[in-house]
Amino acid sequence: MYLKEIKTKFVLDRLKETSWVNRKYIKDLQFLEYLISGGRNCFAGAIGYSALSSEYPIESECIRKEIQEGIYTPPPEFRKLVDEHIRKRQLEKLREIRAQQRREKTERNLWLKMGGKP
């Protein structure tokens, strides 16, 4: 049973904040713990780690720090990291949208210049 195999205080904190309906989140975090601790050192383990650390980048880093460096991330600090991550993603998305708009404007101007219909 994955619940008995939880190793870090960080994942236990997430468990306390998570409802039963969202238990997959805890299961995924426990599996990340297992992989970061050196479990399943093979291609499949690498793929699993890559997928989960992409889905949960902040959690993955917090678990890694606690397991490898002994640095625990308390809930308020975790929430701050999540908020910062969300803000960075929103800024990146906005930059992508603006860059796309600039490319389309340049392309449209060229289209019209070459005789294309508006």
Protein backbone atom coordinates (compact mmCIF):
# COMPACT_ATOMS: atom_id res chain seq x y z
CA MET A 1 0.00 0.00 0.00
CA TYR A 2 1.55 3.29 -1.15
CA LEU A 3 0.42 5.29 1.91
CA LYS A 4 2.62 3.26 4.25
CA GLU A 5 5.60 3.90 1.96
CA ILE A 6 5.53 7.71 2.19
CA LYS A 7 9.01 8.84 3.25
CA THR A 8 8.97 12.62 3.41
CA LYS A 9 7.27 15.12 5.65
CA PHE A 10 6.55 17.14 2.50
CA VAL A 11 4.32 14.39 1.04
CA LEU A 12 2.66 13.85 4.43
CA ASP A 13 1.83 17.57 4.47
CA ARG A 14 0.28 17.29 0.99
CA LEU A 15 -1.73 14.26 2.18
CA LYS A 16 -3.19 16.34 5.02
CA GLU A 17 -4.31 18.98 2.50
CA THR A 18 -5.71 16.55 -0.10
CA SER A 19 -9.17 15.01 -0.24
CA TRP A 20 -9.79 11.33 -0.92
CA VAL A 21 -11.16 12.18 -4.37
CA ASN A 22 -7.74 13.57 -5.33
CA ARG A 23 -5.73 10.66 -3.93
CA LYS A 24 -3.97 10.11 -7.29
CA TYR A 25 -1.96 13.25 -6.51
CA ILE A 26 -0.57 11.64 -3.35
CA LYS A 27 0.02 8.35 -5.14
CA ASP A 28 2.01 10.23 -7.80
CA LEU A 29 4.04 12.10 -5.17
CA GLN A 30 4.82 8.87 -3.35
CA PHE A 31 5.99 7.33 -6.62
CA LEU A 32 8.20 10.38 -7.19
CA GLU A 33 9.69 9.78 -3.74
CA TYR A 34 10.38 6.18 -4.71
CA LEU A 35 12.05 7.16 -7.99
CA ILE A 36 14.11 9.97 -6.44
CA SER A 37 15.24 7.58 -3.69
CA GLY A 38 16.79 5.36 -6.36
CA GLY A 39 13.94 2.96 -7.00
CA ARG A 40 13.44 1.52 -10.47
CA ASN A 41 16.74 2.58 -12.03
CA CYS A 42 15.81 1.67 -15.58
CA PHE A 43 14.36 3.18 -18.74
CA ALA A 44 10.77 2.84 -17.50
CA GLY A 45 11.71 4.56 -14.24
CA ALA A 46 13.33 7.41 -16.15
CA ILE A 47 10.20 7.86 -18.25
CA GLY A 48 8.02 7.79 -15.13
CA TYR A 49 10.23 10.33 -13.41
CA SER A 50 10.25 12.59 -16.46
CA ALA A 51 6.45 12.50 -16.76
CA LEU A 52 5.76 13.08 -13.07
CA SER A 53 8.40 15.78 -12.60
CA SER A 54 6.92 17.61 -15.61
CA GLU A 55 3.43 17.36 -14.15
CA TYR A 56 4.54 18.31 -10.62
CA PRO A 57 7.73 20.41 -11.02
CA ILE A 58 7.55 22.19 -7.66
CA GLU A 59 6.62 19.05 -5.73
CA SER A 60 9.37 17.10 -7.47
CA GLU A 61 12.01 19.63 -6.47
CA CYS A 62 10.75 19.79 -2.86
CA ILE A 63 10.81 15.99 -2.57
CA ARG A 64 14.29 15.83 -4.12
CA LYS A 65 15.61 18.45 -1.68
CA GLU A 66 14.19 16.63 1.32
CA ILE A 67 15.46 13.21 0.26
CA GLN A 68 18.88 14.20 -1.07
CA GLU A 69 19.74 17.27 1.00
CA GLY A 70 17.53 16.91 4.07
CA ILE A 71 15.89 20.29 3.39
CA TYR A 72 12.19 20.26 4.27
CA THR A 73 9.78 22.65 2.52
CA PRO A 74 7.00 23.75 4.92
CA PRO A 75 3.47 24.39 3.57
CA PRO A 76 3.68 28.23 3.49
CA GLU A 77 6.94 28.09 1.52
CA PHE A 78 5.45 25.48 -0.85
CA ARG A 79 2.42 27.70 -1.54
CA LYS A 80 4.77 30.62 -2.23
CA LEU A 81 6.75 28.48 -4.70
CA VAL A 82 3.54 27.37 -6.42
CA ASP A 83 2.29 30.95 -6.72
CA GLU A 84 5.64 32.03 -8.16
CA HIS A 85 5.59 29.14 -10.65
CA ILE A 86 2.06 30.02 -11.77
CA ARG A 87 3.04 33.67 -12.21
CA LYS A 88 6.08 32.69 -14.33
CA ARG A 89 3.95 30.40 -16.51
CA GLN A 90 1.39 33.17 -17.04
CA LEU A 91 4.15 35.60 -18.09
CA GLU A 92 5.63 33.02 -20.48
CA LYS A 93 2.20 32.42 -22.01
CA LEU A 94 1.65 36.16 -22.43
CA ARG A 95 5.07 36.51 -24.13
CA GLU A 96 4.21 33.63 -26.47
CA ILE A 97 0.88 35.24 -27.39
CA ARG A 98 2.51 38.60 -28.07
CA ALA A 99 5.27 37.01 -30.17
CA GLN A 100 2.63 35.10 -32.17
CA GLN A 101 0.67 38.33 -32.72
CA ARG A 102 3.83 40.10 -33.98
CA ARG A 103 4.60 37.22 -36.36
CA GLU A 104 1.03 37.25 -37.70
CA LYS A 105 1.10 41.02 -38.19
CA THR A 106 4.38 40.80 -40.11
CA GLU A 107 3.08 37.90 -42.17
CA ARG A 108 -0.21 39.70 -42.92
CA ASN A 109 1.62 42.85 -43.99
CA LEU A 110 3.77 40.78 -46.34
CA TRP A 111 0.64 39.00 -47.60
CA LEU A 112 -1.02 42.31 -48.44
CA LYS A 113 2.19 43.72 -49.93
CA MET A 114 2.40 40.72 -52.27
CA GLY A 115 -1.16 41.33 -53.46
CA GLY A 116 -3.08 38.97 -51.22
CA LYS A 117 -6.64 39.80 -50.24
CA PRO A 118 -7.27 41.16 -46.75
